[in-house]
Every structure is written in structure tokens, then in C-alpha cells.
C-alpha atoms as a PDB file:
ATOM      1  CA  UNK A   1       0.028  -0.013   0.047  1.00  0.00           C
ATOM      2  CA  UNK A   2       1.258   3.499  -0.768  1.00  0.00           C
ATOM      3  CA  UNK A   3       0.623   5.229   2.484  1.00  0.00           C
ATOM      4  CA  UNK A   4       2.493   8.327   1.260  1.00  0.00           C
ATOM      5  CA  UNK A   5      -0.634   9.600  -0.477  1.00  0.00           C
ATOM      6  CA  UNK A   6      -2.279  10.022   2.839  1.00  0.00           C
ATOM      7  CA  UNK A   7       0.830  11.769   4.517  1.00  0.00           C
ATOM      8  CA  UNK A   8       0.706  15.577   4.663  1.00  0.00           C
ATOM      9  CA  UNK A   9       3.781  17.020   3.137  1.00  0.00           C
ATOM     10  CA  UNK A  10       2.271  20.130   1.665  1.00  0.00           C
ATOM     11  CA  UNK A  11      -0.790  22.396   2.361  1.00  0.00           C
ATOM     12  CA  UNK A  12      -4.011  20.374   2.446  1.00  0.00           C
ATOM     13  CA  UNK A  13      -7.615  21.329   1.900  1.00  0.00           C
ATOM     14  CA  UNK A  14      -9.875  18.998   3.919  1.00  0.00           C
ATOM     15  CA  UNK A  15     -12.827  20.029   1.795  1.00  0.00           C
ATOM     16  CA  UNK A  16     -11.108  18.648  -1.248  1.00  0.00           C
ATOM     17  CA  UNK A  17      -9.854  15.469   0.353  1.00  0.00           C
ATOM     18  CA  UNK A  18     -11.746  12.220   0.164  1.00  0.00           C
ATOM     19  CA  UNK A  19     -13.563  10.861   3.027  1.00  0.00           C
ATOM     20  CA  UNK A  20     -14.376   7.619   1.467  1.00  0.00           C
ATOM     21  CA  UNK A  21     -12.236   4.830   0.150  1.00  0.00           C
ATOM     22  CA  UNK A  22     -12.929   1.048   0.163  1.00  0.00           C
ATOM     23  CA  UNK A  23     -10.181  -1.493   0.025  1.00  0.00           C
ATOM     24  CA  UNK A  24     -11.165  -5.088  -0.846  1.00  0.00           C
ATOM     25  CA  UNK A  25     -10.703  -7.720   1.786  1.00  0.00           C
ATOM     26  CA  UNK A  26      -9.636  -4.971   4.398  1.00  0.00           C
ATOM     27  CA  UNK A  27     -10.544  -7.024   7.380  1.00  0.00           C
ATOM     28  CA  UNK A  28      -8.581 -10.022   6.349  1.00  0.00           C
ATOM     29  CA  UNK A  29      -5.491  -8.019   5.428  1.00  0.00           C
ATOM     30  CA  UNK A  30      -5.703  -6.323   8.766  1.00  0.00           C
ATOM     31  CA  UNK A  31      -5.437  -9.629  10.624  1.00  0.00           C
ATOM     32  CA  UNK A  32      -2.027 -10.334   8.946  1.00  0.00           C
ATOM     33  CA  UNK A  33      -0.680  -6.684   9.446  1.00  0.00           C
ATOM     34  CA  UNK A  34      -1.581  -6.573  13.161  1.00  0.00           C
ATOM     35  CA  UNK A  35       0.330  -9.818  13.772  1.00  0.00           C
ATOM     36  CA  UNK A  36       3.407  -8.283  12.115  1.00  0.00           C
ATOM     37  CA  UNK A  37       2.950  -5.267  14.262  1.00  0.00           C
ATOM     38  CA  UNK A  38       2.841  -7.454  17.343  1.00  0.00           C
ATOM     39  CA  UNK A  39       6.076  -9.093  16.250  1.00  0.00           C
ATOM     40  CA  UNK A  40       7.912  -5.875  15.645  1.00  0.00           C
ATOM     41  CA  UNK A  41       6.627  -4.451  18.953  1.00  0.00           C
ATOM     42  CA  UNK A  42       8.351  -7.379  20.653  1.00  0.00           C
ATOM     43  CA  UNK A  43      11.599  -6.546  18.810  1.00  0.00           C
ATOM     44  CA  UNK A  44      11.132  -2.828  19.828  1.00  0.00           C
ATOM     45  CA  UNK A  45      10.596  -3.970  23.547  1.00  0.00           C
ATOM     46  CA  UNK A  46      13.709  -6.077  23.532  1.00  0.00           C
ATOM     47  CA  UNK A  47      15.851  -3.424  21.689  1.00  0.00           C
ATOM     48  CA  UNK A  48      14.806  -0.812  24.292  1.00  0.00           C
ATOM     49  CA  UNK A  49      15.816   2.296  22.454  1.00  0.00           C
ATOM     50  CA  UNK A  50      12.530   3.478  20.617  1.00  0.00           C
ATOM     51  CA  UNK A  51       8.930   4.034  21.689  1.00  0.00           C
ATOM     52  CA  UNK A  52       6.014   4.843  19.510  1.00  0.00           C
ATOM     53  CA  UNK A  53       3.320   7.534  20.006  1.00  0.00           C
ATOM     54  CA  UNK A  54       0.010   7.045  17.893  1.00  0.00           C
ATOM     55  CA  UNK A  55      -2.113  10.088  17.866  1.00  0.00           C
ATOM     56  CA  UNK A  56      -5.800   9.683  16.936  1.00  0.00           C
ATOM     57  CA  UNK A  57      -8.074  12.706  16.148  1.00  0.00           C
ATOM     58  CA  UNK A  58     -11.451  12.935  14.430  1.00  0.00           C
ATOM     59  CA  UNK A  59     -14.918  14.126  14.839  1.00  0.00           C
ATOM     60  CA  UNK A  60     -17.360  12.313  17.032  1.00  0.00           C
ATOM     61  CA  UNK A  61     -18.177   8.759  15.573  1.00  0.00           C
ATOM     62  CA  UNK A  62     -15.124   8.780  13.389  1.00  0.00           C
ATOM     63  CA  UNK A  63     -14.224   5.378  14.686  1.00  0.00           C
ATOM     64  CA  UNK A  64     -11.251   5.991  17.128  1.00  0.00           C
ATOM     65  CA  UNK A  65     -12.325   3.532  19.723  1.00  0.00           C
ATOM     66  CA  UNK A  66     -12.955   0.523  17.447  1.00  0.00           C
ATOM     67  CA  UNK A  67      -9.640   1.355  15.524  1.00  0.00           C
ATOM     68  CA  UNK A  68      -7.793   0.890  18.624  1.00  0.00           C
ATOM     69  CA  UNK A  69      -9.324  -2.352  19.529  1.00  0.00           C
ATOM     70  CA  UNK A  70      -8.947  -3.838  16.061  1.00  0.00           C
ATOM     71  CA  UNK A  71      -5.429  -2.532  15.019  1.00  0.00           C
ATOM     72  CA  UNK A  72      -3.822  -3.581  18.397  1.00  0.00           C
ATOM     73  CA  UNK A  73      -5.807  -6.826  19.082  1.00  0.00           C
ATOM     74  CA  UNK A  74      -2.774  -8.904  18.799  1.00  0.00           C
ATOM     75  CA  UNK A  75      -0.087  -6.825  20.469  1.00  0.00           C
ATOM     76  CA  UNK A  76       1.038  -8.025  23.816  1.00  0.00           C
ATOM     77  CA  UNK A  77      -0.965  -6.324  26.612  1.00  0.00           C
ATOM     78  CA  UNK A  78       2.324  -5.199  28.122  1.00  0.00           C
ATOM     79  CA  UNK A  79       3.339  -3.413  24.944  1.00  0.00           C
ATOM     80  CA  UNK A  80       0.607  -1.054  24.342  1.00  0.00           C
ATOM     81  CA  UNK A  81      -1.077   1.604  26.500  1.00  0.00           C
ATOM     82  CA  UNK A  82      -3.967   3.779  25.505  1.00  0.00           C
ATOM     83  CA  UNK A  83      -4.845   7.176  26.983  1.00  0.00           C
ATOM     84  CA  UNK A  84      -8.274   8.639  26.309  1.00  0.00           C
ATOM     85  CA  UNK A  85      -7.922  12.469  27.179  1.00  0.00           C
ATOM     86  CA  UNK A  86     -11.299  13.901  28.539  1.00  0.00           C
ATOM     87  CA  UNK A  87     -11.766  17.413  29.757  1.00  0.00           C
ATOM     88  CA  UNK A  88      -8.859  18.472  32.030  1.00  0.00           C
ATOM     89  CA  UNK A  89      -9.267  17.831  35.745  1.00  0.00           C
ATOM     90  CA  UNK A  90      -8.777  20.396  38.356  1.00  0.00           C
ATOM     91  CA  UNK A  91      -5.315  19.104  38.993  1.00  0.00           C
ATOM     92  CA  UNK A  92      -4.419  19.196  35.227  1.00  0.00           C
ATOM     93  CA  UNK A  93      -5.647  22.756  34.935  1.00  0.00           C
ATOM     94  CA  UNK A  94      -2.980  23.732  37.487  1.00  0.00           C
ATOM     95  CA  UNK A  95      -0.211  22.820  35.205  1.00  0.00           C
ATOM     96  CA  UNK A  96       0.557  23.960  31.551  1.00  0.00           C
ATOM     97  CA  UNK A  97      -1.586  22.511  28.800  1.00  0.00           C
ATOM     98  CA  UNK A  98       0.976  19.909  27.689  1.00  0.00           C
ATOM     99  CA  UNK A  99       1.821  18.495  31.187  1.00  0.00           C
ATOM    100  CA  UNK A 100      -0.778  15.761  31.306  1.00  0.00           C
ATOM    101  CA  UNK A 101       0.275  14.521  27.908  1.00  0.00           C
ATOM    102  CA  UNK A 102       3.966  14.417  28.724  1.00  0.00           C
ATOM    103  CA  UNK A 103       3.615  12.386  31.693  1.00  0.00           C
ATOM    104  CA  UNK A 104       1.558   9.856  29.628  1.00  0.00           C
ATOM    105  CA  UNK A 105       4.257   9.433  27.049  1.00  0.00           C
ATOM    106  CA  UNK A 106       5.304   5.703  26.325  1.00  0.00           C
ATOM    107  CA  UNK A 107       8.285   4.019  28.022  1.00  0.00           C
ATOM    108  CA  UNK A 108      10.970   2.733  25.582  1.00  0.00           C
ATOM    109  CA  UNK A 109       9.804  -0.396  23.965  1.00  0.00           C
ATOM    110  CA  UNK A 110       6.161   0.338  24.156  1.00  0.00           C
ATOM    111  CA  UNK A 111       3.480   1.745  21.827  1.00  0.00           C
ATOM    112  CA  UNK A 112       1.252   4.375  23.235  1.00  0.00           C
ATOM    113  CA  UNK A 113      -2.037   5.544  21.754  1.00  0.00           C
ATOM    114  CA  UNK A 114      -3.485   9.012  22.461  1.00  0.00           C
ATOM    115  CA  UNK A 115      -7.214   8.669  21.703  1.00  0.00           C
ATOM    116  CA  UNK A 116      -7.740  12.377  21.323  1.00  0.00           C
ATOM    117  CA  UNK A 117      -4.634  14.081  22.072  1.00  0.00           C
ATOM    118  CA  UNK A 118      -2.753  17.295  22.940  1.00  0.00           C
ATOM    119  CA  UNK A 119      -4.328  18.727  19.785  1.00  0.00           C
ATOM    120  CA  UNK A 120      -7.587  19.133  21.611  1.00  0.00           C
ATOM    121  CA  UNK A 121      -5.861  22.298  23.073  1.00  0.00           C
ATOM    122  CA  UNK A 122      -5.905  23.936  19.698  1.00  0.00           C
ATOM    123  CA  UNK A 123      -9.067  22.442  18.443  1.00  0.00           C
ATOM    124  CA  UNK A 124     -11.915  22.159  21.082  1.00  0.00           C
ATOM    125  CA  UNK A 125     -10.614  25.165  22.890  1.00  0.00           C
ATOM    126  CA  UNK A 126     -10.406  27.114  19.697  1.00  0.00           C
ATOM    127  CA  UNK A 127     -14.099  26.377  18.833  1.00  0.00           C
ATOM    128  CA  UNK A 128     -15.066  26.916  22.540  1.00  0.00           C
ATOM    129  CA  UNK A 129     -12.418  29.537  23.764  1.00  0.00           C
ATOM    130  CA  UNK A 130     -14.160  29.958  27.056  1.00  0.00           C
ATOM    131  CA  UNK A 131     -12.536  26.756  28.130  1.00  0.00           C
ATOM    132  CA  UNK A 132      -9.093  28.386  28.052  1.00  0.00           C
ATOM    133  CA  UNK A 133     -10.210  30.742  30.853  1.00  0.00           C
ATOM    134  CA  UNK A 134     -10.242  27.702  33.277  1.00  0.00           C
ATOM    135  CA  UNK A 135      -6.447  27.413  32.747  1.00  0.00           C
ATOM    136  CA  UNK A 136      -5.742  30.762  34.577  1.00  0.00           C
ATOM    137  CA  UNK A 137      -3.054  31.855  32.259  1.00  0.00           C
ATOM    138  CA  UNK A 138      -1.604  35.249  33.508  1.00  0.00           C
ATOM    139  CA  UNK A 139      -1.618  36.727  29.995  1.00  0.00           C
ATOM    140  CA  UNK A 140      -5.276  35.902  29.313  1.00  0.00           C
ATOM    141  CA  UNK A 141      -7.733  38.318  30.891  1.00  0.00           C
ATOM    142  CA  UNK A 142     -10.612  37.636  28.543  1.00  0.00           C
ATOM    143  CA  UNK A 143     -11.856  36.014  25.317  1.00  0.00           C
ATOM    144  CA  UNK A 144     -10.304  38.979  23.367  1.00  0.00           C
ATOM    145  CA  UNK A 145      -6.879  37.576  24.149  1.00  0.00           C
ATOM    146  CA  UNK A 146      -7.755  34.308  22.551  1.00  0.00           C
ATOM    147  CA  UNK A 147      -7.015  35.278  18.786  1.00  0.00           C
ATOM    148  CA  UNK A 148      -5.319  33.352  16.100  1.00  0.00           C
ATOM    149  CA  UNK A 149      -1.839  34.342  17.326  1.00  0.00           C
ATOM    150  CA  UNK A 150      -2.546  32.679  20.683  1.00  0.00           C
ATOM    151  CA  UNK A 151      -3.411  29.378  19.046  1.00  0.00           C
ATOM    152  CA  UNK A 152      -0.700  29.546  16.451  1.00  0.00           C
ATOM    153  CA  UNK A 153       1.785  29.985  19.205  1.00  0.00           C
ATOM    154  CA  UNK A 154       0.353  26.843  21.054  1.00  0.00           C
ATOM    155  CA  UNK A 155       0.951  25.055  17.831  1.00  0.00           C
ATOM    156  CA  UNK A 156       4.430  26.092  17.764  1.00  0.00           C
ATOM    157  CA  UNK A 157       4.940  24.849  21.431  1.00  0.00           C
ATOM    158  CA  UNK A 158       3.376  21.503  20.229  1.00  0.00           C
ATOM    159  CA  UNK A 159       5.829  21.217  17.499  1.00  0.00           C
ATOM    160  CA  UNK A 160       8.687  21.761  19.864  1.00  0.00           C
ATOM    161  CA  UNK A 161       7.336  19.170  22.164  1.00  0.00           C
ATOM    162  CA  UNK A 162       7.082  16.586  19.525  1.00  0.00           C
ATOM    163  CA  UNK A 163      10.442  17.438  18.166  1.00  0.00           C
ATOM    164  CA  UNK A 164      11.989  17.015  21.659  1.00  0.00           C
ATOM    165  CA  UNK A 165      10.371  13.563  22.147  1.00  0.00           C
ATOM    166  CA  UNK A 166      11.160  12.467  18.656  1.00  0.00           C
ATOM    167  CA  UNK A 167      14.901  13.327  19.306  1.00  0.00           C
ATOM    168  CA  UNK A 168      14.632  11.196  22.443  1.00  0.00           C
ATOM    169  CA  UNK A 169      13.521   7.987  20.446  1.00  0.00           C
ATOM    170  CA  UNK A 170       9.756   8.415  20.273  1.00  0.00           C
ATOM    171  CA  UNK A 171       8.467   7.523  16.817  1.00  0.00           C
ATOM    172  CA  UNK A 172       5.367   9.810  16.274  1.00  0.00           C
ATOM    173  CA  UNK A 173       2.476   9.100  13.847  1.00  0.00           C
ATOM    174  CA  UNK A 174      -0.555  11.298  13.805  1.00  0.00           C
ATOM    175  CA  UNK A 175      -3.886  10.351  12.214  1.00  0.00           C
ATOM    176  CA  UNK A 176      -6.858  12.433  11.323  1.00  0.00           C
ATOM    177  CA  UNK A 177      -9.913  10.128  10.665  1.00  0.00           C
ATOM    178  CA  UNK A 178     -11.589  12.288   7.954  1.00  0.00           C
ATOM    179  CA  UNK A 179     -15.230  11.625   8.204  1.00  0.00           C
ATOM    180  CA  UNK A 180     -17.993  13.055   6.142  1.00  0.00           C
ATOM    181  CA  UNK A 181     -20.856  14.948   7.733  1.00  0.00           C
ATOM    182  CA  UNK A 182     -23.319  12.573   6.108  1.00  0.00           C
ATOM    183  CA  UNK A 183     -21.579   9.487   7.438  1.00  0.00           C
ATOM    184  CA  UNK A 184     -21.483  10.920  10.923  1.00  0.00           C
ATOM    185  CA  UNK A 185     -25.308  11.569  10.710  1.00  0.00           C
ATOM    186  CA  UNK A 186     -25.768   7.782   9.891  1.00  0.00           C
ATOM    187  CA  UNK A 187     -23.682   6.760  12.781  1.00  0.00           C
ATOM    188  CA  UNK A 188     -25.418   9.036  15.208  1.00  0.00           C
ATOM    189  CA  UNK A 189     -28.897   7.576  14.091  1.00  0.00           C
ATOM    190  CA  UNK A 190     -27.345   4.050  14.597  1.00  0.00           C
ATOM    191  CA  UNK A 191     -26.589   5.022  18.142  1.00  0.00           C
ATOM    192  CA  UNK A 192     -30.189   6.170  18.857  1.00  0.00           C
ATOM    193  CA  UNK A 193     -31.719   3.073  16.863  1.00  0.00           C
ATOM    194  CA  UNK A 194     -29.661   0.256  18.321  1.00  0.00           C
ATOM    195  CA  UNK A 195     -30.200  -0.284  22.080  1.00  0.00           C
ATOM    196  CA  UNK A 196     -26.777  -1.724  22.594  1.00  0.00           C
ATOM    197  CA  UNK A 197     -25.199   1.471  21.168  1.00  0.00           C
ATOM    198  CA  UNK A 198     -27.537   3.988  23.145  1.00  0.00           C
ATOM    199  CA  UNK A 199     -24.996   4.437  25.917  1.00  0.00           C
ATOM    200  CA  UNK A 200     -22.629   6.159  23.290  1.00  0.00           C
ATOM    201  CA  UNK A 201     -25.049   8.717  22.522  1.00  0.00           C
ATOM    202  CA  UNK A 202     -24.825  12.331  24.080  1.00  0.00           C
ATOM    203  CA  UNK A 203     -26.933  15.277  23.398  1.00  0.00           C
ATOM    204  CA  UNK A 204     -23.568  17.097  23.215  1.00  0.00           C
ATOM    205  CA  UNK A 205     -22.933  15.074  20.090  1.00  0.00           C
ATOM    206  CA  UNK A 206     -25.543  17.203  18.272  1.00  0.00           C
ATOM    207  CA  UNK A 207     -24.424  20.339  19.788  1.00  0.00           C
ATOM    208  CA  UNK A 208     -20.808  19.888  18.380  1.00  0.00           C
ATOM    209  CA  UNK A 209     -22.270  18.881  15.073  1.00  0.00           C
ATOM    210  CA  UNK A 210     -23.482  22.327  14.679  1.00  0.00           C
ATOM    211  CA  UNK A 211     -19.878  23.534  14.849  1.00  0.00           C
ATOM    212  CA  UNK A 212     -18.710  21.029  12.053  1.00  0.00           C
ATOM    213  CA  UNK A 213     -17.390  23.823   9.664  1.00  0.00           C
ATOM    214  CA  UNK A 214     -15.519  25.578  12.530  1.00  0.00           C
ATOM    215  CA  UNK A 215     -13.965  22.189  13.515  1.00  0.00           C
ATOM    216  CA  UNK A 216     -12.969  21.522   9.931  1.00  0.00           C
ATOM    217  CA  UNK A 217     -11.170  24.890   9.710  1.00  0.00           C
ATOM    218  CA  UNK A 218      -9.340  24.326  12.934  1.00  0.00           C
ATOM    219  CA  UNK A 219      -8.218  20.752  12.032  1.00  0.00           C
ATOM    220  CA  UNK A 220      -7.029  21.992   8.590  1.00  0.00           C
ATOM    221  CA  UNK A 221      -5.061  24.693  10.222  1.00  0.00           C
ATOM    222  CA  UNK A 222      -3.594  22.583  12.873  1.00  0.00           C
ATOM    223  CA  UNK A 223      -2.612  19.877  10.438  1.00  0.00           C
ATOM    224  CA  UNK A 224      -0.993  22.226   7.888  1.00  0.00           C
ATOM    225  CA  UNK A 225       1.058  23.951  10.682  1.00  0.00           C
ATOM    226  CA  UNK A 226       2.203  20.858  12.556  1.00  0.00           C
ATOM    227  CA  UNK A 227       2.839  18.158  10.187  1.00  0.00           C
ATOM    228  CA  UNK A 228       6.566  17.693  10.219  1.00  0.00           C
ATOM    229  CA  UNK A 229       8.973  14.929   8.982  1.00  0.00           C
ATOM    230  CA  UNK A 230       9.548  13.911  12.729  1.00  0.00           C
ATOM    231  CA  UNK A 231       5.900  13.993  13.495  1.00  0.00           C
ATOM    232  CA  UNK A 232       3.776  13.599  10.296  1.00  0.00           C
ATOM    233  CA  UNK A 233       0.030  13.945   9.900  1.00  0.00           C
ATOM    234  CA  UNK A 234      -1.957  11.337   7.881  1.00  0.00           C
ATOM    235  CA  UNK A 235      -5.452  12.232   6.726  1.00  0.00           C
ATOM    236  CA  UNK A 236      -7.317   8.947   6.613  1.00  0.00           C
ATOM    237  CA  UNK A 237     -10.636   8.426   4.766  1.00  0.00           C
ATOM    238  CA  UNK A 238     -12.894   7.225   7.580  1.00  0.00           C
ATOM    239  CA  UNK A 239     -16.464   6.761   6.001  1.00  0.00           C
ATOM    240  CA  UNK A 240     -15.429   2.966   5.647  1.00  0.00           C
ATOM    241  CA  UNK A 241     -14.151   1.704   9.120  1.00  0.00           C
ATOM    242  CA  UNK A 242     -12.490  -1.351   7.802  1.00  0.00           C
ATOM    243  CA  UNK A 243     -10.449   0.627   5.270  1.00  0.00           C
ATOM    244  CA  UNK A 244      -9.454   3.364   7.818  1.00  0.00           C
ATOM    245  CA  UNK A 245      -8.164   0.699  10.132  1.00  0.00           C
ATOM    246  CA  UNK A 246      -6.174  -1.052   7.540  1.00  0.00           C
ATOM    247  CA  UNK A 247      -4.478   2.351   6.299  1.00  0.00           C
ATOM    248  CA  UNK A 248      -3.561   3.098   9.984  1.00  0.00           C
ATOM    249  CA  UNK A 249      -2.225  -0.257  10.605  1.00  0.00           C
ATOM    250  CA  UNK A 250      -0.278  -0.367   7.346  1.00  0.00           C
ATOM    251  CA  UNK A 251       1.300   2.983   8.169  1.00  0.00           C
ATOM    252  CA  UNK A 252       2.325   1.807  11.684  1.00  0.00           C
ATOM    253  CA  UNK A 253       3.896  -1.341  10.196  1.00  0.00           C
ATOM    254  CA  UNK A 254       5.819   0.409   7.443  1.00  0.00           C
ATOM    255  CA  UNK A 255       7.107   2.933   9.916  1.00  0.00           C
ATOM    256  CA  UNK A 256       8.409   0.220  12.340  1.00  0.00           C
ATOM    257  CA  UNK A 257       9.904  -1.734   9.526  1.00  0.00           C
ATOM    258  CA  UNK A 258      11.885   1.410   8.390  1.00  0.00           C
ATOM    259  CA  UNK A 259      13.972   1.324  11.666  1.00  0.00           C
ATOM    260  CA  UNK A 260      16.649  -1.120  10.354  1.00  0.00           C
ATOM    261  CA  UNK A 261      18.634  -0.626  13.572  1.00  0.00           C
ATOM    262  CA  UNK A 262      15.837  -1.945  15.647  1.00  0.00           C
ATOM    263  CA  UNK A 263      16.899  -5.546  16.325  1.00  0.00           C
ATOM    264  CA  UNK A 264      16.723  -7.943  19.220  1.00  0.00           C
ATOM    265  CA  UNK A 265      19.908  -7.904  21.327  1.00  0.00           C
ATOM    266  CA  UNK A 266      22.447 -10.675  21.012  1.00  0.00           C
ATOM    267  CA  UNK A 267      23.505 -12.904  23.926  1.00  0.00           C
ATOM    268  CA  UNK A 268      26.905 -11.929  25.376  1.00  0.00           C
ATOM    269  CA  UNK A 269      29.878 -14.044  24.324  1.00  0.00           C
ATOM    270  CA  UNK A 270      30.188 -15.758  27.799  1.00  0.00           C
ATOM    271  CA  UNK A 271      26.536 -16.974  27.647  1.00  0.00           C
ATOM    272  CA  UNK A 272      26.787 -18.025  23.869  1.00  0.00           C
ATOM    273  CA  UNK A 273      29.890 -20.090  24.654  1.00  0.00           C
ATOM    274  CA  UNK A 274      27.968 -22.215  27.121  1.00  0.00           C
ATOM    275  CA  UNK A 275      24.726 -22.647  25.305  1.00  0.00           C
ATOM    276  CA  UNK A 276      25.332 -26.337  24.743  1.00  0.00           C
ATOM    277  CA  UNK A 277      26.082 -26.827  28.538  1.00  0.00           C
ATOM    278  CA  UNK A 278      22.851 -25.063  29.344  1.00  0.00           C
ATOM    279  CA  UNK A 279      20.806 -27.250  27.125  1.00  0.00           C
ATOM    280  CA  UNK A 280      22.337 -30.409  28.619  1.00  0.00           C
ATOM    281  CA  UNK A 281      21.528 -29.060  32.116  1.00  0.00           C
ATOM    282  CA  UNK A 282      17.877 -28.794  31.070  1.00  0.00           C
ATOM    283  CA  UNK A 283      17.871 -32.121  29.330  1.00  0.00           C
ATOM    284  CA  UNK A 284      19.187 -33.727  32.549  1.00  0.00           C
ATOM    285  CA  UNK A 285      16.777 -31.728  34.835  1.00  0.00           C
END
């Protein structure tokens, strides 16, 4: 699969980017790829020098939760950690906006998924700037201070944050699950119709839907300003869930495969010289 066509290397227009793509036998292909991801994560764990941060963003119903479940189903439980960031707690608001994300970063050898990410601080808060007031920032005295320059400066800080952790060995992949408004409507109806999915519905979903255009503008601006070689954005067509999962999985796999120095450590010479002896000890046990 050519994943580069989803990678943002130049200015993107979301309105002119497809939300639908269907790949034949996507579910079966995913089964094979996620096993390969699992094997490479084992190598990454043994190697102990890299970690991987997967950032998932998208409108409500874009399929983030189910994507995490399906893509990482075969990865050793010790090897993947998922953080779903909700509204900041009172304690989190007493720190800078990146603090809670920094302390959730993966240990070397592990994959960490941010299901909603540090980008919420330039997305949700840009659509609803009143949320920023809860951070008690000295330079912000009112909503008039929250102009484009404020959010662009935040994006610069995010880029510095990502550059720093990338230099420390964290492989960063950022995915925007690009959903159409019509498909979101269908999925929201499904939540209302199907009893087993009722719990997923919130009246806030409809409230946020009214800000669809504003969110698209904010996503587009953030993606264009923060897609870097060390932390690229991928805009993934998300109207077909199986295809979206496959594209994300293939991107993760190809990224891991590109690190040729990531290999399992060799046994020391002393241990290697006594392997036959150790085998005999076990045979005679």
C-alpha cells in the first residue's frame, strides 16, 4: 500500500480530500498486518531504544475507539497503552496544557495511543475559547486575548514538544480520521436506533455537530502547521471503518519496518559459549 498519499507534506484542503475509500478484503488484510505489528513491537521492546506514539483525532463517531481495538488486538498487553483524554481535571488545569500529555508518554519499547490528544488544546478550545479561561493563564484576561496568534503560538509549542520527544527516540504518527458529515449523521442515528449503542449517544454530539465547519477549519489549520518529518500527519478517509483501520495499521507497520537498527539484542559471548552446556543441564533436569 502506498501510504505516502495520505501523508501531509504540503498544504491540505480537507474540503477537497476524500472521506471515502474502500479496500477489498480490508478485514482479512488487517489480521495479517496486526500480527506483524505485534512481532515488531516485541523486537522494539527487547531493543529498548525506541517507543511509538500514535495520535488519533477525528470528529465524534469517526471510529477511534474501534480502530484501537482492532489494530492492536494482537499486540502483547504489556506493549501497548491507551490514553483517552477527556476534559482536564482541576489538578491538570493547575499545570501547563502539555503537562498531562507529557507524563503519559510511552516508555522505551512500548506503543502508546493517544485517543484524542494534545491537539484538543488547539481544536476544542479554539471552537469553544471559554474553556481556556479555566487554565488561569496570566496573559489571558478575557476572550479577546484568544486570537489566532494565541493558538498559532500553542501549535509552535506542540511542534517543539514533538521534536523533543522524537529526538529522544519516540516515533510519532498522527492520524486524522476524515469523516463526512453525512456519514456522521448515519452513525449518530445508529446510536439512537440500536439499544446496545444507546450508551454512546450524548446530546452534546448534536451540539458539537452544529460547529462542524468551525472544527474542519481548525483541524485543517492545525494539520497544515504541525505536520513535520519527525511527526507527520496522515489524513485517513474514515467513512469505511475497515479501510481506515487498514490504512492506519499499514502506516504503523511500514514505520516500524523502516527502523533497520531496531533488532533484538544478542547474547553476550560468555553466555553464547555455554549454550550447549545449558541445554544439557535442562535435558538432565
